[in-house]
Amino acid sequence: MAGARQETATARTLTLSVPGWQSHRAGQHVDVRLTAEDGYQAARSYSLSSAPGEAPQITVERLPEGEVSPYLVDVADPGDALEVRGPLGGYFVWEPDARARRPLLLVAGGSGVAPLRAMLRQRLRSGHDTPLRLLYSARSWDAIIYREELLQSGPPDVQVVLTLTRSAPDGWSGRRGRVDAAMLDEVAWTPTEQPEVYVCGPTSFVESVASTLVKLGHRSDAIRTERFGASS
């Protein structure tokens, strides 16, 4: 492990140093395996949160009953060795397409923002003109992962919309509440604009967002999803 940065009280971004690493695609993941002194092993999959061409990073949120995440968030130090396999996955990936300019809609719940941050960073690094909107749902201001980065101003065709579901700081002028049909109808591209859609977060969040988008007229085959078991 080459470095670590605390994102929130429960989330940490780890920079990996992997011999022979060439690159990855935005949306791919790696498997991380830990081995205890008694030989017990536990492995988990984590999305790569860095853009292709950057050093590989994963962002891990500590789960109270987790076997791997508490060590990665609270214990692991730069220089520690981790077993890493990857990059893996070819379905939940995005790459700029010079032949088409379909807008990109990213919808994240909680730590599901990790692979979508990789897509956002790739869009900004590549200089491609794909219009992009990221709708990110977090519990509170303090739970927003990559908060400073996401709040930075970017090109006018790249928009980040935050919504807080449980609490908001004094003076908060952004959105509140869960991602629902009204919010998606207002924030998302219209079905006639045929956006590519990527949704990542807890299972219930992903299923709700994907089904709502279909009800709003978006094609189901244009919606790619990735889900996990933690709550947002």
C-alpha atoms as a PDB file:
ATOM      1  CA  MET A   1       0.000   0.000   0.000  1.00  0.00           C
ATOM      2  CA  ALA A   2       1.485   3.296  -1.097  1.00  0.00           C
ATOM      3  CA  GLY A   3      -0.713   5.766   0.749  1.00  0.00           C
ATOM      4  CA  ALA A   4      -3.980   6.436   2.575  1.00  0.00           C
ATOM      5  CA  ARG A   5      -6.369   9.366   2.936  1.00  0.00           C
ATOM      6  CA  GLN A   6      -9.300   9.599   5.337  1.00  0.00           C
ATOM      7  CA  GLU A   7     -12.454  10.611   3.463  1.00  0.00           C
ATOM      8  CA  THR A   8     -15.023  10.484   6.273  1.00  0.00           C
ATOM      9  CA  ALA A   9     -15.140   9.064   9.789  1.00  0.00           C
ATOM     10  CA  THR A  10     -15.820   5.628   8.309  1.00  0.00           C
ATOM     11  CA  ALA A  11     -14.314   5.754   4.810  1.00  0.00           C
ATOM     12  CA  ARG A  12     -10.714   5.781   3.631  1.00  0.00           C
ATOM     13  CA  THR A  13      -9.069   5.868   0.218  1.00  0.00           C
ATOM     14  CA  LEU A  14      -6.051   3.590  -0.201  1.00  0.00           C
ATOM     15  CA  THR A  15      -3.492   4.079  -2.950  1.00  0.00           C
ATOM     16  CA  LEU A  16      -2.101   0.743  -4.093  1.00  0.00           C
ATOM     17  CA  SER A  17       1.325  -0.062  -5.449  1.00  0.00           C
ATOM     18  CA  VAL A  18       0.878  -3.162  -7.602  1.00  0.00           C
ATOM     19  CA  PRO A  19       3.932  -4.555  -9.425  1.00  0.00           C
ATOM     20  CA  GLY A  20       3.232  -4.903 -13.133  1.00  0.00           C
ATOM     21  CA  TRP A  21       0.077  -2.767 -12.990  1.00  0.00           C
ATOM     22  CA  GLN A  22      -0.529  -1.202 -16.391  1.00  0.00           C
ATOM     23  CA  SER A  23      -3.954   0.402 -16.249  1.00  0.00           C
ATOM     24  CA  HIS A  24      -7.614  -0.264 -15.669  1.00  0.00           C
ATOM     25  CA  ARG A  25     -10.993   0.824 -16.981  1.00  0.00           C
ATOM     26  CA  ALA A  26     -13.279   3.163 -15.066  1.00  0.00           C
ATOM     27  CA  GLY A  27     -15.778   0.990 -13.188  1.00  0.00           C
ATOM     28  CA  GLN A  28     -13.574  -2.070 -12.698  1.00  0.00           C
ATOM     29  CA  HIS A  29     -12.741  -3.532  -9.290  1.00  0.00           C
ATOM     30  CA  VAL A  30     -10.057  -5.507  -7.485  1.00  0.00           C
ATOM     31  CA  ASP A  31     -10.210  -8.335  -4.961  1.00  0.00           C
ATOM     32  CA  VAL A  32      -8.308  -7.737  -1.729  1.00  0.00           C
ATOM     33  CA  ARG A  33      -7.411 -10.739   0.448  1.00  0.00           C
ATOM     34  CA  LEU A  34      -6.160 -10.667   4.030  1.00  0.00           C
ATOM     35  CA  THR A  35      -4.516 -13.598   5.807  1.00  0.00           C
ATOM     36  CA  ALA A  36      -4.507 -13.822   9.611  1.00  0.00           C
ATOM     37  CA  GLU A  37      -1.634 -15.241  11.644  1.00  0.00           C
ATOM     38  CA  ASP A  38      -3.570 -18.489  12.092  1.00  0.00           C
ATOM     39  CA  GLY A  39      -3.974 -18.827   8.329  1.00  0.00           C
ATOM     40  CA  TYR A  40      -7.605 -17.701   8.149  1.00  0.00           C
ATOM     41  CA  GLN A  41      -8.275 -15.752   4.950  1.00  0.00           C
ATOM     42  CA  ALA A  42     -10.956 -13.271   3.982  1.00  0.00           C
ATOM     43  CA  ALA A  43     -11.371 -11.546   0.635  1.00  0.00           C
ATOM     44  CA  ARG A  44     -13.595  -8.707  -0.544  1.00  0.00           C
ATOM     45  CA  SER A  45     -14.103  -6.858  -3.814  1.00  0.00           C
ATOM     46  CA  TYR A  46     -13.605  -3.086  -3.971  1.00  0.00           C
ATOM     47  CA  SER A  47     -14.260  -0.755  -6.880  1.00  0.00           C
ATOM     48  CA  LEU A  48     -11.342   1.211  -8.229  1.00  0.00           C
ATOM     49  CA  SER A  49     -12.006   4.866  -7.491  1.00  0.00           C
ATOM     50  CA  SER A  50      -9.159   6.331  -9.543  1.00  0.00           C
ATOM     51  CA  ALA A  51      -9.255   7.104 -13.245  1.00  0.00           C
ATOM     52  CA  PRO A  52      -7.381   5.040 -15.833  1.00  0.00           C
ATOM     53  CA  GLY A  53      -3.810   6.278 -15.994  1.00  0.00           C
ATOM     54  CA  GLU A  54      -3.764   7.220 -12.312  1.00  0.00           C
ATOM     55  CA  ALA A  55      -2.289   5.090  -9.540  1.00  0.00           C
ATOM     56  CA  PRO A  56      -4.878   2.474  -8.544  1.00  0.00           C
ATOM     57  CA  GLN A  57      -7.012   3.507  -5.582  1.00  0.00           C
ATOM     58  CA  ILE A  58      -9.861   1.907  -3.669  1.00  0.00           C
ATOM     59  CA  THR A  59     -12.193   3.636  -1.259  1.00  0.00           C
ATOM     60  CA  VAL A  60     -13.295   1.433   1.621  1.00  0.00           C
ATOM     61  CA  GLU A  61     -16.160   2.093   4.031  1.00  0.00           C
ATOM     62  CA  ARG A  62     -15.909   0.373   7.403  1.00  0.00           C
ATOM     63  CA  LEU A  63     -18.697  -2.119   8.054  1.00  0.00           C
ATOM     64  CA  PRO A  64     -19.421  -2.824  11.747  1.00  0.00           C
ATOM     65  CA  GLU A  65     -19.354  -6.599  11.272  1.00  0.00           C
ATOM     66  CA  GLY A  66     -16.852  -6.613   8.432  1.00  0.00           C
ATOM     67  CA  GLU A  67     -13.852  -8.912   8.293  1.00  0.00           C
ATOM     68  CA  VAL A  68     -11.768  -6.848   5.869  1.00  0.00           C
ATOM     69  CA  SER A  69     -12.993  -3.234   5.925  1.00  0.00           C
ATOM     70  CA  PRO A  70     -12.147  -2.477   9.604  1.00  0.00           C
ATOM     71  CA  TYR A  71      -8.524  -3.436   8.989  1.00  0.00           C
ATOM     72  CA  LEU A  72      -8.270  -1.393   5.775  1.00  0.00           C
ATOM     73  CA  VAL A  73      -9.931   1.674   7.319  1.00  0.00           C
ATOM     74  CA  ASP A  74      -8.452   1.650  10.824  1.00  0.00           C
ATOM     75  CA  VAL A  75      -5.273  -0.421  10.853  1.00  0.00           C
ATOM     76  CA  ALA A  76      -3.451  -0.669   7.510  1.00  0.00           C
ATOM     77  CA  ASP A  77      -0.537   1.736   7.060  1.00  0.00           C
ATOM     78  CA  PRO A  78       1.400   2.804   3.971  1.00  0.00           C
ATOM     79  CA  GLY A  79       4.025   0.171   3.303  1.00  0.00           C
ATOM     80  CA  ASP A  80       1.843  -2.710   4.470  1.00  0.00           C
ATOM     81  CA  ALA A  81       1.488  -5.570   1.996  1.00  0.00           C
ATOM     82  CA  LEU A  82      -1.942  -6.549   0.692  1.00  0.00           C
ATOM     83  CA  GLU A  83      -2.902  -9.348  -1.672  1.00  0.00           C
ATOM     84  CA  VAL A  84      -4.613  -7.769  -4.654  1.00  0.00           C
ATOM     85  CA  ARG A  85      -6.095  -9.416  -7.742  1.00  0.00           C
ATOM     86  CA  GLY A  86      -7.236  -7.388 -10.690  1.00  0.00           C
ATOM     87  CA  PRO A  87      -8.344  -5.249 -12.358  1.00  0.00           C
ATOM     88  CA  LEU A  88     -11.530  -7.253 -12.838  1.00  0.00           C
ATOM     89  CA  GLY A  89     -14.891  -6.749 -14.527  1.00  0.00           C
ATOM     90  CA  GLY A  90     -16.053  -5.662 -17.954  1.00  0.00           C
ATOM     91  CA  TYR A  91     -19.757  -4.881 -17.560  1.00  0.00           C
ATOM     92  CA  PHE A  92     -19.892  -1.863 -15.264  1.00  0.00           C
ATOM     93  CA  VAL A  93     -17.294   0.169 -17.145  1.00  0.00           C
ATOM     94  CA  TRP A  94     -17.356   3.444 -19.052  1.00  0.00           C
ATOM     95  CA  GLU A  95     -14.959   4.803 -21.642  1.00  0.00           C
ATOM     96  CA  PRO A  96     -15.267   7.971 -23.736  1.00  0.00           C
ATOM     97  CA  ASP A  97     -16.548   7.182 -27.213  1.00  0.00           C
ATOM     98  CA  ALA A  98     -15.304   9.504 -29.932  1.00  0.00           C
ATOM     99  CA  ARG A  99     -18.036   8.252 -32.263  1.00  0.00           C
ATOM    100  CA  ALA A 100     -20.964   9.128 -30.020  1.00  0.00           C
ATOM    101  CA  ARG A 101     -21.771  11.931 -27.633  1.00  0.00           C
ATOM    102  CA  ARG A 102     -24.449  10.288 -25.522  1.00  0.00           C
ATOM    103  CA  PRO A 103     -24.757  12.082 -22.184  1.00  0.00           C
ATOM    104  CA  LEU A 104     -23.669  10.228 -19.065  1.00  0.00           C
ATOM    105  CA  LEU A 105     -25.841   9.946 -15.947  1.00  0.00           C
ATOM    106  CA  LEU A 106     -24.225   8.630 -12.762  1.00  0.00           C
ATOM    107  CA  VAL A 107     -26.346   7.931  -9.674  1.00  0.00           C
ATOM    108  CA  ALA A 108     -24.618   6.978  -6.422  1.00  0.00           C
ATOM    109  CA  GLY A 109     -25.727   6.017  -2.940  1.00  0.00           C
ATOM    110  CA  GLY A 110     -23.215   6.119  -0.091  1.00  0.00           C
ATOM    111  CA  SER A 111     -19.868   4.536  -0.911  1.00  0.00           C
ATOM    112  CA  GLY A 112     -21.302   3.534  -4.286  1.00  0.00           C
ATOM    113  CA  VAL A 113     -19.804   6.804  -5.475  1.00  0.00           C
ATOM    114  CA  ALA A 114     -16.363   5.130  -5.709  1.00  0.00           C
ATOM    115  CA  PRO A 115     -16.524   3.683  -9.259  1.00  0.00           C
ATOM    116  CA  LEU A 116     -18.520   6.683 -10.448  1.00  0.00           C
ATOM    117  CA  ARG A 117     -15.762   8.969  -9.196  1.00  0.00           C
ATOM    118  CA  ALA A 118     -13.413   7.019 -11.481  1.00  0.00           C
ATOM    119  CA  MET A 119     -15.728   7.757 -14.414  1.00  0.00           C
ATOM    120  CA  LEU A 120     -15.989  11.424 -13.456  1.00  0.00           C
ATOM    121  CA  ARG A 121     -12.217  11.749 -13.176  1.00  0.00           C
ATOM    122  CA  GLN A 122     -11.713  10.003 -16.507  1.00  0.00           C
ATOM    123  CA  ARG A 123     -14.161  12.368 -18.170  1.00  0.00           C
ATOM    124  CA  LEU A 124     -12.287  15.379 -16.779  1.00  0.00           C
ATOM    125  CA  ARG A 125      -8.810  13.986 -17.516  1.00  0.00           C
ATOM    126  CA  SER A 126      -9.613  12.883 -21.055  1.00  0.00           C
ATOM    127  CA  GLY A 127     -10.848  16.253 -22.245  1.00  0.00           C
ATOM    128  CA  HIS A 128     -13.750  14.461 -23.951  1.00  0.00           C
ATOM    129  CA  ASP A 129     -16.900  16.530 -24.316  1.00  0.00           C
ATOM    130  CA  THR A 130     -19.378  13.959 -22.986  1.00  0.00           C
ATOM    131  CA  PRO A 131     -21.976  15.847 -20.920  1.00  0.00           C
ATOM    132  CA  LEU A 132     -22.036  14.295 -17.435  1.00  0.00           C
ATOM    133  CA  ARG A 133     -24.320  14.546 -14.412  1.00  0.00           C
ATOM    134  CA  LEU A 134     -23.621  12.882 -11.088  1.00  0.00           C
ATOM    135  CA  LEU A 135     -26.462  12.596  -8.565  1.00  0.00           C
ATOM    136  CA  TYR A 136     -25.025  11.522  -5.211  1.00  0.00           C
ATOM    137  CA  SER A 137     -27.117  10.612  -2.169  1.00  0.00           C
ATOM    138  CA  ALA A 138     -25.409  10.686   1.244  1.00  0.00           C
ATOM    139  CA  ARG A 139     -26.740  10.516   4.790  1.00  0.00           C
ATOM    140  CA  SER A 140     -25.244  13.816   5.885  1.00  0.00           C
ATOM    141  CA  TRP A 141     -22.674  16.505   5.066  1.00  0.00           C
ATOM    142  CA  ASP A 142     -20.003  14.602   6.998  1.00  0.00           C
ATOM    143  CA  ALA A 143     -20.797  11.377   5.121  1.00  0.00           C
ATOM    144  CA  ILE A 144     -20.060  12.815   1.661  1.00  0.00           C
ATOM    145  CA  ILE A 145     -17.058  10.928   0.299  1.00  0.00           C
ATOM    146  CA  TYR A 146     -14.673  13.041  -1.863  1.00  0.00           C
ATOM    147  CA  ARG A 147     -16.570  16.095  -0.639  1.00  0.00           C
ATOM    148  CA  GLU A 148     -13.959  18.744  -1.462  1.00  0.00           C
ATOM    149  CA  GLU A 149     -13.290  17.212  -4.864  1.00  0.00           C
ATOM    150  CA  LEU A 150     -16.957  16.986  -5.800  1.00  0.00           C
ATOM    151  CA  LEU A 151     -17.648  20.555  -4.744  1.00  0.00           C
ATOM    152  CA  GLN A 152     -14.942  21.958  -7.014  1.00  0.00           C
ATOM    153  CA  SER A 153     -16.254  23.795 -10.028  1.00  0.00           C
ATOM    154  CA  GLY A 154     -15.727  22.100 -13.353  1.00  0.00           C
ATOM    155  CA  PRO A 155     -16.728  22.615 -16.962  1.00  0.00           C
ATOM    156  CA  PRO A 156     -20.361  23.650 -17.478  1.00  0.00           C
ATOM    157  CA  ASP A 157     -21.287  20.317 -19.059  1.00  0.00           C
ATOM    158  CA  VAL A 158     -20.178  18.401 -15.923  1.00  0.00           C
ATOM    159  CA  GLN A 159     -22.608  18.751 -13.018  1.00  0.00           C
ATOM    160  CA  VAL A 160     -22.571  17.253  -9.517  1.00  0.00           C
ATOM    161  CA  VAL A 161     -25.833  17.239  -7.555  1.00  0.00           C
ATOM    162  CA  LEU A 162     -25.782  16.259  -3.877  1.00  0.00           C
ATOM    163  CA  THR A 163     -28.768  15.248  -1.778  1.00  0.00           C
ATOM    164  CA  LEU A 164     -28.682  14.627   1.976  1.00  0.00           C
ATOM    165  CA  THR A 165     -31.145  12.096   3.364  1.00  0.00           C
ATOM    166  CA  ARG A 166     -30.872  12.410   7.168  1.00  0.00           C
ATOM    167  CA  SER A 167     -29.336  15.687   8.286  1.00  0.00           C
ATOM    168  CA  ALA A 168     -27.977  18.848   6.729  1.00  0.00           C
ATOM    169  CA  PRO A 169     -25.784  21.639   8.117  1.00  0.00           C
ATOM    170  CA  ASP A 170     -27.108  25.096   8.844  1.00  0.00           C
ATOM    171  CA  GLY A 171     -27.330  27.089   5.651  1.00  0.00           C
ATOM    172  CA  TRP A 172     -27.485  24.022   3.411  1.00  0.00           C
ATOM    173  CA  SER A 173     -29.107  25.096   0.147  1.00  0.00           C
ATOM    174  CA  GLY A 174     -28.763  21.818  -1.700  1.00  0.00           C
ATOM    175  CA  ARG A 175     -31.226  19.025  -2.044  1.00  0.00           C
ATOM    176  CA  ARG A 176     -32.659  16.955   0.770  1.00  0.00           C
ATOM    177  CA  GLY A 177     -34.356  13.590   0.725  1.00  0.00           C
ATOM    178  CA  ARG A 178     -33.967  10.277  -0.983  1.00  0.00           C
ATOM    179  CA  VAL A 179     -33.596   9.901  -4.731  1.00  0.00           C
ATOM    180  CA  ASP A 180     -37.134   9.479  -6.036  1.00  0.00           C
ATOM    181  CA  ALA A 181     -39.056   9.909  -9.271  1.00  0.00           C
ATOM    182  CA  ALA A 182     -39.421  13.664  -8.870  1.00  0.00           C
ATOM    183  CA  MET A 183     -35.705  14.169  -8.253  1.00  0.00           C
ATOM    184  CA  LEU A 184     -34.675  11.914 -11.127  1.00  0.00           C
ATOM    185  CA  ASP A 185     -37.167  13.574 -13.454  1.00  0.00           C
ATOM    186  CA  GLU A 186     -35.624  16.946 -12.639  1.00  0.00           C
ATOM    187  CA  VAL A 187     -31.930  16.027 -12.540  1.00  0.00           C
ATOM    188  CA  ALA A 188     -31.572  13.260 -15.124  1.00  0.00           C
ATOM    189  CA  TRP A 189     -31.301  13.634 -18.845  1.00  0.00           C
ATOM    190  CA  THR A 190     -34.566  13.000 -20.649  1.00  0.00           C
ATOM    191  CA  PRO A 191     -35.183   9.589 -22.230  1.00  0.00           C
ATOM    192  CA  THR A 192     -35.129  11.184 -25.686  1.00  0.00           C
ATOM    193  CA  GLU A 193     -31.518  12.252 -25.047  1.00  0.00           C
ATOM    194  CA  GLN A 194     -30.655   8.555 -24.594  1.00  0.00           C
ATOM    195  CA  PRO A 195     -28.152   8.844 -21.753  1.00  0.00           C
ATOM    196  CA  GLU A 196     -25.855   6.080 -20.647  1.00  0.00           C
ATOM    197  CA  VAL A 197     -26.757   5.412 -17.012  1.00  0.00           C
ATOM    198  CA  TYR A 198     -24.636   3.909 -14.226  1.00  0.00           C
ATOM    199  CA  VAL A 199     -26.141   3.327 -10.780  1.00  0.00           C
ATOM    200  CA  CYS A 200     -24.128   2.105  -7.793  1.00  0.00           C
ATOM    201  CA  GLY A 201     -24.951   1.731  -4.105  1.00  0.00           C
ATOM    202  CA  PRO A 202     -26.822  -0.527  -1.681  1.00  0.00           C
ATOM    203  CA  THR A 203     -29.109  -3.099  -3.265  1.00  0.00           C
ATOM    204  CA  SER A 204     -32.359  -1.380  -2.271  1.00  0.00           C
ATOM    205  CA  PHE A 205     -31.108   1.979  -3.560  1.00  0.00           C
ATOM    206  CA  VAL A 206     -29.974   0.554  -6.894  1.00  0.00           C
ATOM    207  CA  GLU A 207     -33.194  -1.368  -7.472  1.00  0.00           C
ATOM    208  CA  SER A 208     -35.323   1.671  -6.646  1.00  0.00           C
ATOM    209  CA  VAL A 209     -33.362   4.049  -8.892  1.00  0.00           C
ATOM    210  CA  ALA A 210     -33.176   1.637 -11.825  1.00  0.00           C
ATOM    211  CA  SER A 211     -36.880   0.763 -11.732  1.00  0.00           C
ATOM    212  CA  THR A 212     -37.837   4.424 -11.383  1.00  0.00           C
ATOM    213  CA  LEU A 213     -35.743   5.389 -14.389  1.00  0.00           C
ATOM    214  CA  VAL A 214     -37.460   2.724 -16.463  1.00  0.00           C
ATOM    215  CA  LYS A 215     -40.859   4.034 -15.350  1.00  0.00           C
ATOM    216  CA  LEU A 216     -39.744   7.502 -16.444  1.00  0.00           C
ATOM    217  CA  GLY A 217     -39.124   6.151 -19.944  1.00  0.00           C
ATOM    218  CA  HIS A 218     -35.444   5.239 -19.945  1.00  0.00           C
ATOM    219  CA  ARG A 219     -34.439   2.037 -21.705  1.00  0.00           C
ATOM    220  CA  SER A 220     -33.513  -0.742 -19.317  1.00  0.00           C
ATOM    221  CA  ASP A 221     -30.623  -1.854 -21.546  1.00  0.00           C
ATOM    222  CA  ALA A 222     -29.046   1.603 -21.162  1.00  0.00           C
ATOM    223  CA  ILE A 223     -28.906   1.275 -17.363  1.00  0.00           C
ATOM    224  CA  ARG A 224     -25.957  -0.538 -15.786  1.00  0.00           C
ATOM    225  CA  THR A 225     -25.988  -1.299 -12.097  1.00  0.00           C
ATOM    226  CA  GLU A 226     -23.614  -2.392  -9.381  1.00  0.00           C
ATOM    227  CA  ARG A 227     -24.748  -3.046  -5.850  1.00  0.00           C
ATOM    228  CA  PHE A 228     -23.568  -4.076  -2.397  1.00  0.00           C
ATOM    229  CA  GLY A 229     -25.116  -4.950   0.933  1.00  0.00           C
ATOM    230  CA  ALA A 230     -24.241  -1.968   3.142  1.00  0.00           C
ATOM    231  CA  SER A 231     -26.749   0.746   3.915  1.00  0.00           C
ATOM    232  CA  SER A 232     -26.273   4.182   2.413  1.00  0.00           C
END
